[in-house]
Amino acid sequence: MAFQIEITPIAEVQIEQAYRWYREQNSEFADRWFRNLMNAIATLQTSPHRCSLAIEHKIFSEEVRQLLYGKSKNVYRVLFTIRGTTVYILHVRHSSQSPITADDLENSD
């Protein structure tokens, strides 16, 4: 089964912030990072259930999984949920960021 991918506005902002930060450091790396992130997210079209539950899954009202993207100090957690045939990208967070809390979810609405 092929799943559709939809990136939420919050996740889009988080991706954009990371991209801008990398771009300030090294524009070539930033472009490669972004392209490879999008390719990693695209793999969820065929096998989203392969990813483990996110540590925060209990604070969400639905099952939330995570796709790990990157290497070494540059690992990002792509948090997503599956509804029917659509994978919704909820958040994209650097692995050094603390887990999302219930307060974070309330303040993001």
N, C-alpha and C. Protein backbone atom coordinates (compact mmCIF):
# COMPACT_ATOMS: atom_id res chain seq x y z
N MET A 1 0.84 -1.17 0.00
CA MET A 1 0.00 0.00 0.00
C MET A 1 0.89 1.24 0.00
N ALA A 2 0.54 2.20 -0.82
CA ALA A 2 1.27 3.46 -0.87
C ALA A 2 0.54 4.50 -0.01
N PHE A 3 1.29 5.12 0.85
CA PHE A 3 0.75 6.16 1.73
C PHE A 3 1.07 7.53 1.15
N GLN A 4 0.17 8.47 1.38
CA GLN A 4 0.42 9.87 1.05
C GLN A 4 1.17 10.49 2.23
N ILE A 5 1.98 11.49 1.96
CA ILE A 5 2.71 12.20 3.01
C ILE A 5 2.18 13.62 3.10
N GLU A 6 1.87 14.05 4.30
CA GLU A 6 1.45 15.43 4.51
C GLU A 6 2.26 16.00 5.68
N ILE A 7 2.92 17.11 5.43
CA ILE A 7 3.74 17.75 6.46
C ILE A 7 2.92 18.87 7.08
N THR A 8 2.75 18.83 8.40
CA THR A 8 1.96 19.85 9.09
C THR A 8 2.71 21.18 9.09
N PRO A 9 1.98 22.28 9.26
CA PRO A 9 2.64 23.59 9.31
C PRO A 9 3.72 23.69 10.39
N ILE A 10 3.50 23.09 11.55
CA ILE A 10 4.50 23.13 12.62
C ILE A 10 5.78 22.43 12.16
N ALA A 11 5.64 21.26 11.55
CA ALA A 11 6.81 20.53 11.07
C ALA A 11 7.52 21.30 9.95
N GLU A 12 6.75 21.96 9.09
CA GLU A 12 7.36 22.77 8.03
C GLU A 12 8.23 23.87 8.63
N VAL A 13 7.73 24.53 9.66
CA VAL A 13 8.50 25.60 10.33
C VAL A 13 9.77 25.02 10.95
N GLN A 14 9.65 23.87 11.59
CA GLN A 14 10.81 23.25 12.23
C GLN A 14 11.87 22.86 11.19
N ILE A 15 11.44 22.35 10.06
CA ILE A 15 12.38 22.00 8.98
C ILE A 15 13.04 23.26 8.46
N GLU A 16 12.26 24.29 8.25
CA GLU A 16 12.79 25.55 7.74
C GLU A 16 13.81 26.16 8.70
N GLN A 17 13.53 26.12 9.99
CA GLN A 17 14.47 26.65 10.98
C GLN A 17 15.79 25.89 10.96
N ALA A 18 15.72 24.57 10.89
CA ALA A 18 16.94 23.77 10.84
C ALA A 18 17.72 24.06 9.56
N TYR A 19 17.00 24.15 8.45
CA TYR A 19 17.65 24.42 7.16
C TYR A 19 18.36 25.77 7.21
N ARG A 20 17.69 26.79 7.72
CA ARG A 20 18.31 28.12 7.80
C ARG A 20 19.56 28.10 8.67
N TRP A 21 19.51 27.39 9.78
CA TRP A 21 20.67 27.32 10.65
C TRP A 21 21.84 26.67 9.92
N TYR A 22 21.56 25.52 9.26
CA TYR A 22 22.62 24.85 8.50
C TYR A 22 23.13 25.74 7.37
N ARG A 23 22.23 26.48 6.75
CA ARG A 23 22.62 27.35 5.63
C ARG A 23 23.61 28.43 6.08
N GLU A 24 23.41 28.94 7.28
CA GLU A 24 24.35 29.93 7.83
C GLU A 24 25.73 29.32 8.02
N GLN A 25 25.77 28.03 8.31
CA GLN A 25 27.04 27.35 8.56
C GLN A 25 27.71 26.92 7.25
N ASN A 26 26.89 26.32 6.36
CA ASN A 26 27.45 25.74 5.14
C ASN A 26 26.28 25.49 4.18
N SER A 27 26.15 26.34 3.17
CA SER A 27 24.99 26.25 2.28
C SER A 27 24.94 24.94 1.50
N GLU A 28 26.10 24.43 1.11
CA GLU A 28 26.11 23.16 0.37
C GLU A 28 25.59 22.02 1.26
N PHE A 29 26.06 21.98 2.50
CA PHE A 29 25.58 20.97 3.43
C PHE A 29 24.09 21.13 3.68
N ALA A 30 23.64 22.37 3.84
CA ALA A 30 22.22 22.63 4.11
C ALA A 30 21.34 22.09 2.99
N ASP A 31 21.73 22.32 1.76
CA ASP A 31 20.94 21.83 0.63
C ASP A 31 20.91 20.30 0.60
N ARG A 32 22.06 19.69 0.86
CA ARG A 32 22.14 18.22 0.88
C ARG A 32 21.30 17.66 2.04
N TRP A 33 21.41 18.32 3.20
CA TRP A 33 20.65 17.90 4.38
C TRP A 33 19.15 17.92 4.08
N PHE A 34 18.68 19.01 3.50
CA PHE A 34 17.25 19.16 3.19
C PHE A 34 16.79 18.11 2.18
N ARG A 35 17.55 17.96 1.12
CA ARG A 35 17.19 16.98 0.07
C ARG A 35 17.12 15.56 0.65
N ASN A 36 18.11 15.21 1.46
CA ASN A 36 18.12 13.86 2.04
C ASN A 36 17.04 13.68 3.10
N LEU A 37 16.70 14.74 3.83
CA LEU A 37 15.58 14.66 4.77
C LEU A 37 14.28 14.37 4.02
N MET A 38 14.05 15.08 2.94
CA MET A 38 12.84 14.85 2.15
C MET A 38 12.82 13.44 1.57
N ASN A 39 13.97 12.94 1.17
CA ASN A 39 14.05 11.56 0.66
C ASN A 39 13.75 10.56 1.77
N ALA A 40 14.25 10.82 2.97
CA ALA A 40 13.97 9.93 4.10
C ALA A 40 12.49 9.93 4.44
N ILE A 41 11.88 11.11 4.45
CA ILE A 41 10.45 11.21 4.72
C ILE A 41 9.65 10.47 3.64
N ALA A 42 10.11 10.55 2.41
CA ALA A 42 9.41 9.87 1.30
C ALA A 42 9.39 8.36 1.48
N THR A 43 10.37 7.80 2.20
CA THR A 43 10.37 6.35 2.42
C THR A 43 9.17 5.91 3.25
N LEU A 44 8.55 6.85 3.94
CA LEU A 44 7.36 6.52 4.74
C LEU A 44 6.15 6.20 3.85
N GLN A 45 6.26 6.50 2.56
CA GLN A 45 5.17 6.18 1.64
C GLN A 45 4.95 4.68 1.53
N THR A 46 6.00 3.90 1.73
CA THR A 46 5.87 2.46 1.54
C THR A 46 5.90 1.66 2.83
N SER A 47 6.56 2.18 3.87
CA SER A 47 6.68 1.35 5.07
C SER A 47 6.76 2.18 6.37
N PRO A 48 5.72 2.93 6.67
CA PRO A 48 5.78 3.75 7.88
C PRO A 48 5.74 2.95 9.18
N HIS A 49 5.16 1.76 9.14
CA HIS A 49 5.03 0.96 10.36
C HIS A 49 6.36 0.36 10.81
N ARG A 50 7.39 0.46 9.99
CA ARG A 50 8.70 -0.06 10.37
C ARG A 50 9.34 0.77 11.48
N CYS A 51 8.89 1.99 11.63
CA CYS A 51 9.48 2.91 12.60
C CYS A 51 8.92 2.66 13.99
N SER A 52 9.77 2.87 14.98
CA SER A 52 9.37 2.63 16.37
C SER A 52 8.46 3.73 16.89
N LEU A 53 7.77 3.42 17.98
CA LEU A 53 6.96 4.43 18.64
C LEU A 53 7.90 5.50 19.21
N ALA A 54 7.46 6.74 19.14
CA ALA A 54 8.23 7.84 19.72
C ALA A 54 8.11 7.80 21.23
N ILE A 55 9.11 8.30 21.92
CA ILE A 55 9.08 8.31 23.38
C ILE A 55 7.86 9.08 23.89
N GLU A 56 7.41 10.06 23.13
CA GLU A 56 6.27 10.88 23.53
C GLU A 56 4.92 10.29 23.16
N HIS A 57 4.88 9.12 22.59
CA HIS A 57 3.62 8.61 22.02
C HIS A 57 2.45 8.60 23.01
N LYS A 58 2.73 8.49 24.29
CA LYS A 58 1.64 8.43 25.26
C LYS A 58 0.95 9.77 25.51
N ILE A 59 1.61 10.88 25.18
CA ILE A 59 0.97 12.18 25.42
C ILE A 59 0.10 12.62 24.24
N PHE A 60 0.25 11.94 23.12
CA PHE A 60 -0.59 12.25 21.96
C PHE A 60 -1.87 11.43 22.04
N SER A 61 -2.90 11.91 21.37
CA SER A 61 -4.18 11.20 21.38
C SER A 61 -4.20 10.04 20.39
N GLU A 62 -3.14 9.88 19.63
CA GLU A 62 -3.04 8.79 18.68
C GLU A 62 -1.61 8.26 18.66
N GLU A 63 -1.41 7.12 18.03
CA GLU A 63 -0.09 6.51 17.97
C GLU A 63 0.87 7.41 17.20
N VAL A 64 2.02 7.71 17.79
CA VAL A 64 3.03 8.55 17.14
C VAL A 64 4.33 7.77 17.05
N ARG A 65 4.86 7.71 15.85
CA ARG A 65 6.10 6.99 15.58
C ARG A 65 7.20 7.98 15.23
N GLN A 66 8.42 7.49 15.18
CA GLN A 66 9.53 8.36 14.82
C GLN A 66 10.43 7.72 13.77
N LEU A 67 10.86 8.54 12.85
CA LEU A 67 11.85 8.17 11.85
C LEU A 67 13.11 8.93 12.23
N LEU A 68 14.21 8.22 12.43
CA LEU A 68 15.46 8.88 12.75
C LEU A 68 16.19 9.19 11.45
N TYR A 69 16.65 10.44 11.34
CA TYR A 69 17.33 10.88 10.14
C TYR A 69 18.63 11.59 10.53
N GLY A 70 19.72 11.21 9.90
CA GLY A 70 20.99 11.87 10.11
C GLY A 70 22.01 10.94 10.76
N LYS A 71 23.17 11.52 11.07
CA LYS A 71 24.26 10.74 11.65
C LYS A 71 24.91 11.53 12.77
N SER A 72 25.52 10.80 13.66
CA SER A 72 26.36 11.37 14.72
C SER A 72 25.61 12.44 15.51
N LYS A 73 26.12 13.67 15.48
CA LYS A 73 25.51 14.77 16.24
C LYS A 73 24.36 15.43 15.49
N ASN A 74 24.10 15.03 14.28
CA ASN A 74 23.06 15.65 13.46
C ASN A 74 21.87 14.74 13.22
N VAL A 75 21.42 14.05 14.25
CA VAL A 75 20.26 13.16 14.11
C VAL A 75 18.99 13.95 14.44
N TYR A 76 18.03 13.81 13.57
CA TYR A 76 16.71 14.43 13.77
C TYR A 76 15.67 13.34 13.94
N ARG A 77 14.68 13.65 14.74
CA ARG A 77 13.56 12.74 14.97
C ARG A 77 12.36 13.30 14.20
N VAL A 78 11.88 12.56 13.23
CA VAL A 78 10.70 12.93 12.46
C VAL A 78 9.53 12.22 13.12
N LEU A 79 8.70 12.98 13.83
CA LEU A 79 7.55 12.41 14.53
C LEU A 79 6.35 12.44 13.60
N PHE A 80 5.67 11.30 13.50
CA PHE A 80 4.54 11.21 12.57
C PHE A 80 3.46 10.28 13.10
N THR A 81 2.30 10.44 12.52
CA THR A 81 1.19 9.54 12.81
C THR A 81 0.61 9.07 11.48
N ILE A 82 -0.07 7.95 11.53
CA ILE A 82 -0.68 7.37 10.34
C ILE A 82 -2.19 7.40 10.53
N ARG A 83 -2.87 8.04 9.61
CA ARG A 83 -4.34 8.07 9.62
C ARG A 83 -4.81 7.56 8.26
N GLY A 84 -5.38 6.38 8.28
CA GLY A 84 -5.83 5.78 7.02
C GLY A 84 -4.64 5.55 6.11
N THR A 85 -4.67 6.18 4.94
CA THR A 85 -3.58 6.01 3.98
C THR A 85 -2.68 7.25 3.91
N THR A 86 -2.73 8.08 4.95
CA THR A 86 -1.90 9.29 4.98
C THR A 86 -0.98 9.28 6.19
N VAL A 87 0.28 9.61 5.95
CA VAL A 87 1.26 9.80 7.02
C VAL A 87 1.38 11.30 7.25
N TYR A 88 1.09 11.72 8.47
CA TYR A 88 1.18 13.13 8.83
C TYR A 88 2.46 13.37 9.61
N ILE A 89 3.33 14.22 9.08
CA ILE A 89 4.56 14.59 9.77
C ILE A 89 4.18 15.68 10.77
N LEU A 90 4.31 15.36 12.05
CA LEU A 90 3.85 16.27 13.11
C LEU A 90 4.94 17.23 13.58
N HIS A 91 6.14 16.70 13.78
CA HIS A 91 7.27 17.49 14.28
C HIS A 91 8.56 16.94 13.71
N VAL A 92 9.54 17.81 13.57
CA VAL A 92 10.89 17.41 13.21
C VAL A 92 11.81 18.08 14.23
N ARG A 93 12.43 17.25 15.08
CA ARG A 93 13.21 17.77 16.21
C ARG A 93 14.60 17.17 16.22
N HIS A 94 15.56 18.01 16.57
CA HIS A 94 16.94 17.51 16.74
C HIS A 94 16.96 16.58 17.93
N SER A 95 17.76 15.54 17.85
CA SER A 95 17.79 14.54 18.93
C SER A 95 18.29 15.11 20.25
N SER A 96 18.97 16.24 20.23
CA SER A 96 19.44 16.85 21.48
C SER A 96 18.33 17.63 22.18
N GLN A 97 17.22 17.87 21.48
CA GLN A 97 16.09 18.55 22.11
C GLN A 97 15.37 17.58 23.04
N SER A 98 14.88 18.12 24.14
CA SER A 98 14.15 17.27 25.08
C SER A 98 12.85 16.80 24.43
N PRO A 99 12.31 15.68 24.90
CA PRO A 99 11.05 15.18 24.35
C PRO A 99 9.93 16.23 24.49
N ILE A 100 8.97 16.15 23.62
CA ILE A 100 7.81 17.03 23.66
C ILE A 100 7.00 16.70 24.92
N THR A 101 6.48 17.73 25.55
CA THR A 101 5.64 17.53 26.73
C THR A 101 4.19 17.86 26.40
N ALA A 102 3.29 17.52 27.27
CA ALA A 102 1.87 17.87 27.08
C ALA A 102 1.72 19.38 27.01
N ASP A 103 2.49 20.12 27.80
CA ASP A 103 2.44 21.60 27.75
C ASP A 103 2.86 22.12 26.38
N ASP A 104 3.89 21.50 25.78
CA ASP A 104 4.31 21.90 24.43
C ASP A 104 3.18 21.73 23.43
N LEU A 105 2.44 20.63 23.57
CA LEU A 105 1.34 20.37 22.64
C LEU A 105 0.24 21.40 22.82
N GLU A 106 -0.07 21.75 24.06
CA GLU A 106 -1.11 22.75 24.31
C GLU A 106 -0.71 24.11 23.77
N ASN A 107 0.56 24.46 23.87
CA ASN A 107 1.03 25.77 23.43
C ASN A 107 1.23 25.87 21.93
N SER A 108 1.18 24.74 21.23
CA SER A 108 1.38 24.76 19.78
C SER A 108 0.07 24.95 19.01
N ASP A 109 -1.05 24.91 19.69
CA ASP A 109 -2.35 25.06 19.02
C ASP A 109 -2.62 26.48 18.62
